[in-house]
PDB file of N, CA and C in Angstrom:
ATOM      1  N   MET A   1       1.042  -1.130   0.159  1.00  0.00           N
ATOM      2  CA  MET A   1       0.047   0.106   0.111  1.00  0.00           C
ATOM      3  C   MET A   1       0.889   1.318   0.050  1.00  0.00           C
ATOM      4  N   LYS A   2       0.723   2.157  -0.991  1.00  0.00           N
ATOM      5  CA  LYS A   2       1.497   3.424  -0.949  1.00  0.00           C
ATOM      6  C   LYS A   2       1.059   4.239   0.075  1.00  0.00           C
ATOM      7  N   LEU A   3       1.859   5.114   0.515  1.00  0.00           N
ATOM      8  CA  LEU A   3       1.750   6.191   1.523  1.00  0.00           C
ATOM      9  C   LEU A   3       1.415   7.594   0.864  1.00  0.00           C
ATOM     10  N   VAL A   4       0.356   8.257   0.830  1.00  0.00           N
ATOM     11  CA  VAL A   4       0.140   9.457   0.228  1.00  0.00           C
ATOM     12  C   VAL A   4       0.144  10.537   1.207  1.00  0.00           C
ATOM     13  N   PHE A   5       0.710  11.637   0.905  1.00  0.00           N
ATOM     14  CA  PHE A   5       0.635  12.994   1.683  1.00  0.00           C
ATOM     15  C   PHE A   5      -0.324  13.944   0.854  1.00  0.00           C
ATOM     16  N   ILE A   6      -1.364  14.582   1.504  1.00  0.00           N
ATOM     17  CA  ILE A   6      -2.059  15.627   1.014  1.00  0.00           C
ATOM     18  C   ILE A   6      -1.683  17.021   1.110  1.00  0.00           C
ATOM     19  N   ALA A   7      -1.364  17.695   0.083  1.00  0.00           N
ATOM     20  CA  ALA A   7      -0.809  18.989   0.096  1.00  0.00           C
ATOM     21  C   ALA A   7      -1.760  20.075  -0.539  1.00  0.00           C
ATOM     22  N   GLY A   8      -2.041  21.073   0.435  1.00  0.00           N
ATOM     23  CA  GLY A   8      -3.011  21.866  -0.183  1.00  0.00           C
ATOM     24  C   GLY A   8      -3.183  23.180   0.827  1.00  0.00           C
ATOM     25  N   PRO A   9      -3.855  24.205   0.657  1.00  0.00           N
ATOM     26  CA  PRO A   9      -3.935  25.267   1.412  1.00  0.00           C
ATOM     27  C   PRO A   9      -4.573  24.902   2.887  1.00  0.00           C
ATOM     28  N   TYR A  10      -3.944  25.625   3.972  1.00  0.00           N
ATOM     29  CA  TYR A  10      -4.430  25.485   5.167  1.00  0.00           C
ATOM     30  C   TYR A  10      -4.826  26.728   5.800  1.00  0.00           C
ATOM     31  N   ARG A  11      -3.803  27.741   5.696  1.00  0.00           N
ATOM     32  CA  ARG A  11      -3.935  29.166   6.369  1.00  0.00           C
ATOM     33  C   ARG A  11      -5.112  29.793   5.474  1.00  0.00           C
ATOM     34  N   ALA A  12      -5.778  30.880   6.156  1.00  0.00           N
ATOM     35  CA  ALA A  12      -6.580  31.552   5.521  1.00  0.00           C
ATOM     36  C   ALA A  12      -6.858  32.880   6.497  1.00  0.00           C
ATOM     37  N   ASP A  13      -7.658  33.801   5.974  1.00  0.00           N
ATOM     38  CA  ASP A  13      -7.893  35.121   6.778  1.00  0.00           C
ATOM     39  C   ASP A  13      -8.812  34.857   7.943  1.00  0.00           C
ATOM     40  N   THR A  14      -9.757  33.903   7.851  1.00  0.00           N
ATOM     41  CA  THR A  14     -10.680  33.673   8.978  1.00  0.00           C
ATOM     42  C   THR A  14     -10.777  32.261   9.295  1.00  0.00           C
ATOM     43  N   GLU A  15     -11.162  32.000  10.431  1.00  0.00           N
ATOM     44  CA  GLU A  15     -11.326  30.650  10.908  1.00  0.00           C
ATOM     45  C   GLU A  15     -12.211  29.836  10.025  1.00  0.00           C
ATOM     46  N   TRP A  16     -13.437  30.399   9.576  1.00  0.00           N
ATOM     47  CA  TRP A  16     -14.167  29.799   8.622  1.00  0.00           C
ATOM     48  C   TRP A  16     -13.531  29.384   7.526  1.00  0.00           C
ATOM     49  N   GLU A  17     -12.767  30.074   6.897  1.00  0.00           N
ATOM     50  CA  GLU A  17     -11.961  29.732   5.786  1.00  0.00           C
ATOM     51  C   GLU A  17     -10.870  28.616   5.919  1.00  0.00           C
ATOM     52  N   ILE A  18     -10.317  28.665   7.099  1.00  0.00           N
ATOM     53  CA  ILE A  18      -9.381  27.532   7.599  1.00  0.00           C
ATOM     54  C   ILE A  18     -10.217  26.336   7.653  1.00  0.00           C
ATOM     55  N   LYS A  19     -11.332  26.442   8.237  1.00  0.00           N
ATOM     56  CA  LYS A  19     -12.128  24.996   8.363  1.00  0.00           C
ATOM     57  C   LYS A  19     -12.452  24.618   6.984  1.00  0.00           C
ATOM     58  N   GLN A  20     -12.740  25.501   6.017  1.00  0.00           N
ATOM     59  CA  GLN A  20     -13.083  24.888   4.746  1.00  0.00           C
ATOM     60  C   GLN A  20     -11.791  24.430   3.905  1.00  0.00           C
ATOM     61  N   ASN A  21     -10.790  24.848   4.304  1.00  0.00           N
ATOM     62  CA  ASN A  21      -9.435  24.218   3.708  1.00  0.00           C
ATOM     63  C   ASN A  21      -9.256  22.926   4.273  1.00  0.00           C
ATOM     64  N   ILE A  22      -9.514  22.875   5.692  1.00  0.00           N
ATOM     65  CA  ILE A  22      -9.413  21.464   6.140  1.00  0.00           C
ATOM     66  C   ILE A  22     -10.511  20.419   5.586  1.00  0.00           C
ATOM     67  N   ARG A  23     -11.676  21.027   5.526  1.00  0.00           N
ATOM     68  CA  ARG A  23     -12.745  19.949   5.010  1.00  0.00           C
ATOM     69  C   ARG A  23     -12.290  19.543   3.532  1.00  0.00           C
ATOM     70  N   SER A  24     -11.719  20.490   2.686  1.00  0.00           N
ATOM     71  CA  SER A  24     -11.388  20.090   1.557  1.00  0.00           C
ATOM     72  C   SER A  24     -10.131  19.032   1.351  1.00  0.00           C
ATOM     73  N   ALA A  25      -9.125  19.412   2.009  1.00  0.00           N
ATOM     74  CA  ALA A  25      -8.152  18.437   2.169  1.00  0.00           C
ATOM     75  C   ALA A  25      -8.792  17.047   2.834  1.00  0.00           C
ATOM     76  N   GLU A  26      -9.605  17.060   3.689  1.00  0.00           N
ATOM     77  CA  GLU A  26     -10.197  15.811   4.359  1.00  0.00           C
ATOM     78  C   GLU A  26     -10.900  15.132   3.199  1.00  0.00           C
ATOM     79  N   ALA A  27     -11.640  15.761   2.355  1.00  0.00           N
ATOM     80  CA  ALA A  27     -12.389  15.069   1.275  1.00  0.00           C
ATOM     81  C   ALA A  27     -11.502  14.561   0.279  1.00  0.00           C
ATOM     82  N   VAL A  28     -10.420  15.019  -0.043  1.00  0.00           N
ATOM     83  CA  VAL A  28      -9.438  14.718  -0.913  1.00  0.00           C
ATOM     84  C   VAL A  28      -8.757  13.406  -0.371  1.00  0.00           C
ATOM     85  N   SER A  29      -8.513  13.399   0.995  1.00  0.00           N
ATOM     86  CA  SER A  29      -7.891  12.325   1.724  1.00  0.00           C
ATOM     87  C   SER A  29      -8.822  11.035   1.583  1.00  0.00           C
ATOM     88  N   LEU A  30     -10.010  11.128   1.868  1.00  0.00           N
ATOM     89  CA  LEU A  30     -10.904  10.037   1.883  1.00  0.00           C
ATOM     90  C   LEU A  30     -11.018   9.534   0.497  1.00  0.00           C
ATOM     91  N   LYS A  31     -11.137  10.581  -0.542  1.00  0.00           N
ATOM     92  CA  LYS A  31     -10.918   9.838  -1.938  1.00  0.00           C
ATOM     93  C   LYS A  31      -9.729   8.903  -2.122  1.00  0.00           C
ATOM     94  N   TYR A  32      -8.640   9.206  -1.600  1.00  0.00           N
ATOM     95  CA  TYR A  32      -7.429   8.347  -1.855  1.00  0.00           C
ATOM     96  C   TYR A  32      -7.593   7.165  -0.885  1.00  0.00           C
ATOM     97  N   TRP A  33      -8.106   7.301   0.292  1.00  0.00           N
ATOM     98  CA  TRP A  33      -8.281   6.043   1.041  1.00  0.00           C
ATOM     99  C   TRP A  33      -9.012   5.096   0.268  1.00  0.00           C
ATOM    100  N   LYS A  34     -10.100   5.624  -0.374  1.00  0.00           N
ATOM    101  CA  LYS A  34     -11.039   4.867  -1.092  1.00  0.00           C
ATOM    102  C   LYS A  34     -10.463   3.936  -2.206  1.00  0.00           C
ATOM    103  N   ARG A  35      -9.390   4.634  -2.874  1.00  0.00           N
ATOM    104  CA  ARG A  35      -8.580   4.158  -3.792  1.00  0.00           C
ATOM    105  C   ARG A  35      -7.552   3.147  -3.509  1.00  0.00           C
ATOM    106  N   GLY A  36      -7.469   2.981  -2.179  1.00  0.00           N
ATOM    107  CA  GLY A  36      -6.482   1.868  -1.635  1.00  0.00           C
ATOM    108  C   GLY A  36      -5.112   2.226  -1.301  1.00  0.00           C
ATOM    109  N   TYR A  37      -5.232   3.735  -1.061  1.00  0.00           N
ATOM    110  CA  TYR A  37      -3.865   4.226  -0.451  1.00  0.00           C
ATOM    111  C   TYR A  37      -3.975   4.410   0.981  1.00  0.00           C
ATOM    112  N   SER A  38      -2.791   4.459   1.706  1.00  0.00           N
ATOM    113  CA  SER A  38      -2.837   4.995   3.128  1.00  0.00           C
ATOM    114  C   SER A  38      -2.551   6.446   3.080  1.00  0.00           C
ATOM    115  N   VAL A  39      -3.081   7.183   3.713  1.00  0.00           N
ATOM    116  CA  VAL A  39      -3.217   8.764   3.502  1.00  0.00           C
ATOM    117  C   VAL A  39      -2.720   9.542   4.813  1.00  0.00           C
ATOM    118  N   ILE A  40      -1.815  10.458   4.522  1.00  0.00           N
ATOM    119  CA  ILE A  40      -1.361  11.327   5.903  1.00  0.00           C
ATOM    120  C   ILE A  40      -2.127  12.743   5.214  1.00  0.00           C
ATOM    121  N   CYS A  41      -2.974  13.275   6.025  1.00  0.00           N
ATOM    122  CA  CYS A  41      -3.568  14.578   5.949  1.00  0.00           C
ATOM    123  C   CYS A  41      -3.157  15.524   6.936  1.00  0.00           C
ATOM    124  N   PRO A  42      -1.934  16.079   6.576  1.00  0.00           N
ATOM    125  CA  PRO A  42      -1.390  17.227   7.431  1.00  0.00           C
ATOM    126  C   PRO A  42      -2.470  18.250   8.158  1.00  0.00           C
ATOM    127  N   HIS A  43      -3.411  18.633   7.513  1.00  0.00           N
ATOM    128  CA  HIS A  43      -4.409  19.612   7.918  1.00  0.00           C
ATOM    129  C   HIS A  43      -5.194  19.121   9.163  1.00  0.00           C
ATOM    130  N   LYS A  44      -5.277  17.582   9.175  1.00  0.00           N
ATOM    131  CA  LYS A  44      -6.033  17.202  10.323  1.00  0.00           C
ATOM    132  C   LYS A  44      -5.129  16.970  11.319  1.00  0.00           C
ATOM    133  N   ASN A  45      -3.695  16.780  11.164  1.00  0.00           N
ATOM    134  CA  ASN A  45      -2.802  16.527  12.031  1.00  0.00           C
ATOM    135  C   ASN A  45      -2.675  17.681  13.174  1.00  0.00           C
ATOM    136  N   THR A  46      -2.621  18.726  12.594  1.00  0.00           N
ATOM    137  CA  THR A  46      -2.291  20.084  13.328  1.00  0.00           C
ATOM    138  C   THR A  46      -3.494  20.927  13.275  1.00  0.00           C
ATOM    139  N   ALA A  47      -4.643  20.734  13.034  1.00  0.00           N
ATOM    140  CA  ALA A  47      -5.871  21.461  12.826  1.00  0.00           C
ATOM    141  C   ALA A  47      -5.983  22.488  14.046  1.00  0.00           C
ATOM    142  N   PHE A  48      -6.142  23.718  13.661  1.00  0.00           N
ATOM    143  CA  PHE A  48      -6.507  24.895  14.608  1.00  0.00           C
ATOM    144  C   PHE A  48      -5.264  24.926  15.754  1.00  0.00           C
ATOM    145  N   MET A  49      -4.134  24.520  15.376  1.00  0.00           N
ATOM    146  CA  MET A  49      -2.875  24.731  16.453  1.00  0.00           C
ATOM    147  C   MET A  49      -2.220  26.045  15.984  1.00  0.00           C
ATOM    148  N   GLY A  50      -2.624  26.870  14.817  1.00  0.00           N
ATOM    149  CA  GLY A  50      -2.091  27.992  14.342  1.00  0.00           C
ATOM    150  C   GLY A  50      -1.671  28.865  15.638  1.00  0.00           C
ATOM    151  N   GLY A  51      -0.577  29.368  15.559  1.00  0.00           N
ATOM    152  CA  GLY A  51      -0.299  30.715  16.628  1.00  0.00           C
ATOM    153  C   GLY A  51       0.396  29.690  18.119  1.00  0.00           C
ATOM    154  N   ALA A  52       0.194  28.430  18.003  1.00  0.00           N
ATOM    155  CA  ALA A  52       0.835  27.731  19.149  1.00  0.00           C
ATOM    156  C   ALA A  52       2.249  27.763  19.221  1.00  0.00           C
ATOM    157  N   LEU A  53       2.829  27.559  17.748  1.00  0.00           N
ATOM    158  CA  LEU A  53       4.184  27.650  17.473  1.00  0.00           C
ATOM    159  C   LEU A  53       4.405  28.472  16.192  1.00  0.00           C
ATOM    160  N   PRO A  54       5.495  28.685  15.841  1.00  0.00           N
ATOM    161  CA  PRO A  54       5.787  29.483  14.472  1.00  0.00           C
ATOM    162  C   PRO A  54       5.303  28.469  13.312  1.00  0.00           C
ATOM    163  N   ASP A  55       4.970  29.060  12.332  1.00  0.00           N
ATOM    164  CA  ASP A  55       4.397  28.270  11.093  1.00  0.00           C
ATOM    165  C   ASP A  55       5.548  27.220  10.551  1.00  0.00           C
ATOM    166  N   THR A  56       6.959  27.927  10.666  1.00  0.00           N
ATOM    167  CA  THR A  56       8.032  27.127  10.248  1.00  0.00           C
ATOM    168  C   THR A  56       8.155  25.860  10.917  1.00  0.00           C
ATOM    169  N   VAL A  57       7.657  25.681  12.045  1.00  0.00           N
ATOM    170  CA  VAL A  57       7.538  24.454  12.913  1.00  0.00           C
ATOM    171  C   VAL A  57       6.655  23.302  12.169  1.00  0.00           C
ATOM    172  N   TRP A  58       5.402  23.637  11.817  1.00  0.00           N
ATOM    173  CA  TRP A  58       4.473  22.979  11.029  1.00  0.00           C
ATOM    174  C   TRP A  58       5.087  22.601   9.761  1.00  0.00           C
ATOM    175  N   LEU A  59       5.670  23.428   8.918  1.00  0.00           N
ATOM    176  CA  LEU A  59       6.222  23.112   7.554  1.00  0.00           C
ATOM    177  C   LEU A  59       7.421  22.131   7.802  1.00  0.00           C
ATOM    178  N   LYS A  60       8.209  22.369   8.781  1.00  0.00           N
ATOM    179  CA  LYS A  60       9.379  21.367   8.911  1.00  0.00           C
ATOM    180  C   LYS A  60       8.882  20.021   9.387  1.00  0.00           C
ATOM    181  N   GLY A  61       7.811  19.733  10.106  1.00  0.00           N
ATOM    182  CA  GLY A  61       7.278  18.694  10.455  1.00  0.00           C
ATOM    183  C   GLY A  61       6.443  17.941   9.464  1.00  0.00           C
ATOM    184  N   ASP A  62       6.025  18.798   8.515  1.00  0.00           N
ATOM    185  CA  ASP A  62       5.364  18.214   7.308  1.00  0.00           C
ATOM    186  C   ASP A  62       6.269  17.668   6.378  1.00  0.00           C
ATOM    187  N   LEU A  63       7.272  18.416   6.168  1.00  0.00           N
ATOM    188  CA  LEU A  63       8.249  17.894   5.427  1.00  0.00           C
ATOM    189  C   LEU A  63       8.894  16.564   5.825  1.00  0.00           C
ATOM    190  N   GLU A  64       9.206  16.437   7.005  1.00  0.00           N
ATOM    191  CA  GLU A  64       9.554  15.206   7.569  1.00  0.00           C
ATOM    192  C   GLU A  64       8.559  14.062   7.356  1.00  0.00           C
ATOM    193  N   ILE A  65       7.435  14.282   7.581  1.00  0.00           N
ATOM    194  CA  ILE A  65       6.331  13.326   7.427  1.00  0.00           C
ATOM    195  C   ILE A  65       6.388  12.882   5.792  1.00  0.00           C
ATOM    196  N   LEU A  66       6.357  13.954   4.764  1.00  0.00           N
ATOM    197  CA  LEU A  66       6.496  13.870   3.425  1.00  0.00           C
ATOM    198  C   LEU A  66       7.751  12.988   2.836  1.00  0.00           C
ATOM    199  N   SER A  67       8.621  13.258   3.713  1.00  0.00           N
ATOM    200  CA  SER A  67       9.987  12.246   3.228  1.00  0.00           C
ATOM    201  C   SER A  67       9.719  11.094   3.497  1.00  0.00           C
ATOM    202  N   ARG A  68       8.731  10.477   4.225  1.00  0.00           N
ATOM    203  CA  ARG A  68       8.550   9.146   4.435  1.00  0.00           C
ATOM    204  C   ARG A  68       7.334   8.588   3.435  1.00  0.00           C
ATOM    205  N   CYS A  69       6.757   9.560   2.540  1.00  0.00           N
ATOM    206  CA  CYS A  69       5.646   9.015   1.836  1.00  0.00           C
ATOM    207  C   CYS A  69       6.007   8.733   0.458  1.00  0.00           C
ATOM    208  N   ASP A  70       5.278   7.967  -0.200  1.00  0.00           N
ATOM    209  CA  ASP A  70       5.596   7.603  -1.618  1.00  0.00           C
ATOM    210  C   ASP A  70       4.910   8.565  -2.621  1.00  0.00           C
ATOM    211  N   VAL A  71       3.998   9.186  -2.238  1.00  0.00           N
ATOM    212  CA  VAL A  71       3.192   9.964  -3.290  1.00  0.00           C
ATOM    213  C   VAL A  71       2.756  11.288  -2.523  1.00  0.00           C
ATOM    214  N   ILE A  72       2.846  12.434  -3.383  1.00  0.00           N
ATOM    215  CA  ILE A  72       2.161  13.571  -2.726  1.00  0.00           C
ATOM    216  C   ILE A  72       0.903  13.878  -3.628  1.00  0.00           C
ATOM    217  N   VAL A  73      -0.044  14.370  -3.232  1.00  0.00           N
ATOM    218  CA  VAL A  73      -1.377  14.805  -4.090  1.00  0.00           C
ATOM    219  C   VAL A  73      -1.500  16.144  -3.734  1.00  0.00           C
ATOM    220  N   MET A  74      -1.484  16.911  -4.759  1.00  0.00           N
ATOM    221  CA  MET A  74      -1.731  18.515  -4.537  1.00  0.00           C
ATOM    222  C   MET A  74      -3.220  18.519  -4.798  1.00  0.00           C
ATOM    223  N   ALA A  75      -3.714  19.020  -3.675  1.00  0.00           N
ATOM    224  CA  ALA A  75      -5.056  19.236  -3.594  1.00  0.00           C
ATOM    225  C   ALA A  75      -5.657  20.620  -4.165  1.00  0.00           C
ATOM    226  N   PRO A  76      -6.861  20.902  -4.503  1.00  0.00           N
ATOM    227  CA  PRO A  76      -7.319  22.032  -5.079  1.00  0.00           C
ATOM    228  C   PRO A  76      -6.864  23.090  -4.270  1.00  0.00           C
ATOM    229  N   GLY A  77      -6.368  24.165  -4.915  1.00  0.00           N
ATOM    230  CA  GLY A  77      -5.907  25.402  -4.400  1.00  0.00           C
ATOM    231  C   GLY A  77      -4.505  25.507  -4.046  1.00  0.00           C
ATOM    232  N   TRP A  78      -3.853  24.387  -4.304  1.00  0.00           N
ATOM    233  CA  TRP A  78      -2.388  24.218  -3.864  1.00  0.00           C
ATOM    234  C   TRP A  78      -1.667  25.282  -4.699  1.00  0.00           C
ATOM    235  N   PRO A  79      -1.783  25.969  -5.762  1.00  0.00           N
ATOM    236  CA  PRO A  79      -0.899  27.127  -6.251  1.00  0.00           C
ATOM    237  C   PRO A  79      -0.818  28.298  -5.339  1.00  0.00           C
ATOM    238  N   ASP A  80      -2.059  28.454  -4.652  1.00  0.00           N
ATOM    239  CA  ASP A  80      -2.035  29.582  -3.663  1.00  0.00           C
ATOM    240  C   ASP A  80      -1.563  29.486  -2.363  1.00  0.00           C
ATOM    241  N   SER A  81      -0.841  28.318  -2.181  1.00  0.00           N
ATOM    242  CA  SER A  81      -0.430  27.900  -0.884  1.00  0.00           C
ATOM    243  C   SER A  81       1.001  27.941  -0.930  1.00  0.00           C
ATOM    244  N   SER A  82       1.658  28.807  -0.068  1.00  0.00           N
ATOM    245  CA  SER A  82       3.074  28.878   0.073  1.00  0.00           C
ATOM    246  C   SER A  82       3.823  27.344   0.603  1.00  0.00           C
ATOM    247  N   GLY A  83       2.900  26.899   1.725  1.00  0.00           N
ATOM    248  CA  GLY A  83       3.384  25.756   2.112  1.00  0.00           C
ATOM    249  C   GLY A  83       3.059  24.475   1.155  1.00  0.00           C
ATOM    250  N   ALA A  84       2.344  24.522   0.541  1.00  0.00           N
ATOM    251  CA  ALA A  84       2.109  23.462  -0.380  1.00  0.00           C
ATOM    252  C   ALA A  84       3.253  23.641  -1.612  1.00  0.00           C
ATOM    253  N   LEU A  85       3.398  24.774  -1.950  1.00  0.00           N
ATOM    254  CA  LEU A  85       4.524  25.032  -3.089  1.00  0.00           C
ATOM    255  C   LEU A  85       5.849  24.486  -2.539  1.00  0.00           C
ATOM    256  N   GLU A  86       6.129  24.738  -1.237  1.00  0.00           N
ATOM    257  CA  GLU A  86       7.296  24.320  -0.676  1.00  0.00           C
ATOM    258  C   GLU A  86       7.392  22.521  -0.481  1.00  0.00           C
ATOM    259  N   GLU A  87       6.012  22.136  -0.323  1.00  0.00           N
ATOM    260  CA  GLU A  87       6.076  20.593  -0.044  1.00  0.00           C
ATOM    261  C   GLU A  87       6.296  20.092  -1.601  1.00  0.00           C
ATOM    262  N   LEU A  88       5.635  20.633  -2.652  1.00  0.00           N
ATOM    263  CA  LEU A  88       5.911  20.247  -3.888  1.00  0.00           C
ATOM    264  C   LEU A  88       7.347  20.272  -4.422  1.00  0.00           C
ATOM    265  N   ARG A  89       7.988  21.408  -4.016  1.00  0.00           N
ATOM    266  CA  ARG A  89       9.508  21.469  -4.462  1.00  0.00           C
ATOM    267  C   ARG A  89      10.201  20.426  -3.824  1.00  0.00           C
ATOM    268  N   PHE A  90       9.908  20.007  -2.489  1.00  0.00           N
ATOM    269  CA  PHE A  90      10.666  19.099  -1.557  1.00  0.00           C
ATOM    270  C   PHE A  90      10.311  17.703  -2.330  1.00  0.00           C
ATOM    271  N   ALA A  91       9.202  17.371  -2.689  1.00  0.00           N
ATOM    272  CA  ALA A  91       8.862  16.215  -3.268  1.00  0.00           C
ATOM    273  C   ALA A  91       9.411  16.005  -4.696  1.00  0.00           C
ATOM    274  N   LYS A  92       9.528  17.043  -5.447  1.00  0.00           N
ATOM    275  CA  LYS A  92      10.278  16.814  -6.679  1.00  0.00           C
ATOM    276  C   LYS A  92      11.545  16.430  -6.534  1.00  0.00           C
ATOM    277  N   GLU A  93      12.238  17.409  -5.439  1.00  0.00           N
ATOM    278  CA  GLU A  93      13.683  17.065  -5.357  1.00  0.00           C
ATOM    279  C   GLU A  93      14.084  15.710  -4.876  1.00  0.00           C
ATOM    280  N   ARG A  94      13.053  14.971  -4.372  1.00  0.00           N
ATOM    281  CA  ARG A  94      13.174  13.475  -3.996  1.00  0.00           C
ATOM    282  C   ARG A  94      12.699  12.435  -4.721  1.00  0.00           C
ATOM    283  N   GLY A  95      12.088  12.972  -5.927  1.00  0.00           N
ATOM    284  CA  GLY A  95      11.696  12.010  -7.082  1.00  0.00           C
ATOM    285  C   GLY A  95      10.340  11.303  -6.674  1.00  0.00           C
ATOM    286  N   LYS A  96       9.527  12.072  -5.767  1.00  0.00           N
ATOM    287  CA  LYS A  96       8.319  11.473  -5.319  1.00  0.00           C
ATOM    288  C   LYS A  96       7.227  11.480  -6.473  1.00  0.00           C
ATOM    289  N   GLU A  97       6.355  10.518  -6.468  1.00  0.00           N
ATOM    290  CA  GLU A  97       5.298  10.623  -7.474  1.00  0.00           C
ATOM    291  C   GLU A  97       4.306  11.682  -7.061  1.00  0.00           C
ATOM    292  N   ILE A  98       3.855  12.383  -8.166  1.00  0.00           N
ATOM    293  CA  ILE A  98       3.152  13.706  -7.914  1.00  0.00           C
ATOM    294  C   ILE A  98       1.706  13.508  -8.644  1.00  0.00           C
ATOM    295  N   ILE A  99       0.568  13.634  -7.981  1.00  0.00           N
ATOM    296  CA  ILE A  99      -0.551  13.569  -8.455  1.00  0.00           C
ATOM    297  C   ILE A  99      -1.137  14.894  -8.220  1.00  0.00           C
ATOM    298  N   TYR A 100      -1.756  15.527  -9.109  1.00  0.00           N
ATOM    299  CA  TYR A 100      -2.426  17.041  -9.243  1.00  0.00           C
ATOM    300  C   TYR A 100      -3.986  16.723  -9.218  1.00  0.00           C
ATOM    301  N   GLU A 101      -4.554  16.851  -8.255  1.00  0.00           N
ATOM    302  CA  GLU A 101      -6.103  16.517  -7.973  1.00  0.00           C
ATOM    303  C   GLU A 101      -6.817  17.819  -8.685  1.00  0.00           C
ATOM    304  N   THR A 102      -7.489  17.286  -9.517  1.00  0.00           N
ATOM    305  CA  THR A 102      -8.466  18.506 -10.467  1.00  0.00           C
ATOM    306  C   THR A 102      -9.872  18.539 -10.046  1.00  0.00           C
ATOM    307  N   ASN A 103     -10.357  17.298  -9.611  1.00  0.00           N
ATOM    308  CA  ASN A 103     -11.829  17.252  -9.283  1.00  0.00           C
ATOM    309  C   ASN A 103     -12.384  18.135  -8.099  1.00  0.00           C
ATOM    310  N   TYR A 104     -13.445  18.512  -8.083  1.00  0.00           N
ATOM    311  CA  TYR A 104     -14.010  19.235  -6.888  1.00  0.00           C
ATOM    312  C   TYR A 104     -13.710  18.513  -5.634  1.00  0.00           C
ATOM    313  N   PRO A 105     -13.179  19.346  -4.665  1.00  0.00           N
ATOM    314  CA  PRO A 105     -12.675  18.503  -3.364  1.00  0.00           C
ATOM    315  C   PRO A 105     -13.728  17.728  -2.678  1.00  0.00           C
ATOM    316  N   TYR A 106     -15.015  17.876  -3.050  1.00  0.00           N
ATOM    317  CA  TYR A 106     -16.064  17.191  -2.216  1.00  0.00           C
ATOM    318  C   TYR A 106     -16.603  15.935  -3.019  1.00  0.00           C
ATOM    319  N   ASP A 107     -15.910  15.739  -4.098  1.00  0.00           N
ATOM    320  CA  ASP A 107     -16.308  14.676  -4.982  1.00  0.00           C
ATOM    321  C   ASP A 107     -15.539  13.373  -4.441  1.00  0.00           C
ATOM    322  N   THR A 108     -15.958  12.740  -3.425  1.00  0.00           N
ATOM    323  CA  THR A 108     -15.375  11.576  -3.006  1.00  0.00           C
ATOM    324  C   THR A 108     -15.744  10.205  -3.761  1.00  0.00           C
ATOM    325  N   GLN A 109     -16.376  10.355  -4.634  1.00  0.00           N
ATOM    326  CA  GLN A 109     -16.897   9.048  -5.118  1.00  0.00           C
ATOM    327  C   GLN A 109     -15.864   8.221  -5.906  1.00  0.00           C
ATOM    328  N   GLY A 110     -14.826   9.040  -6.630  1.00  0.00           N
ATOM    329  CA  GLY A 110     -13.803   8.398  -7.390  1.00  0.00           C
ATOM    330  C   GLY A 110     -12.743   8.119  -6.800  1.00  0.00           C
TER     331      GLY A 110
END
């Protein structure tokens, strides 16, 4: 079973928007669980911990987790996320398989 890392936007201007970003990543995560992957969704791992530590701590931890994954899935909105862009760069440098998710985030059927 391949291990997948979900990369996409987390931070936002409001808590409501942060929750929507988490829900979007969660939906993509479920989609890949249904496809037979084992999935890491960092959005769920540190949900609403913003401000407890500097953002660099979360990104450093995410990159450590990503280093152990086989695949990175770029969730909707990833081009607008500095964290997701850094995760993509990291994955490319290490030759990880990259999947660009194009379906609507709440389409968990496929």
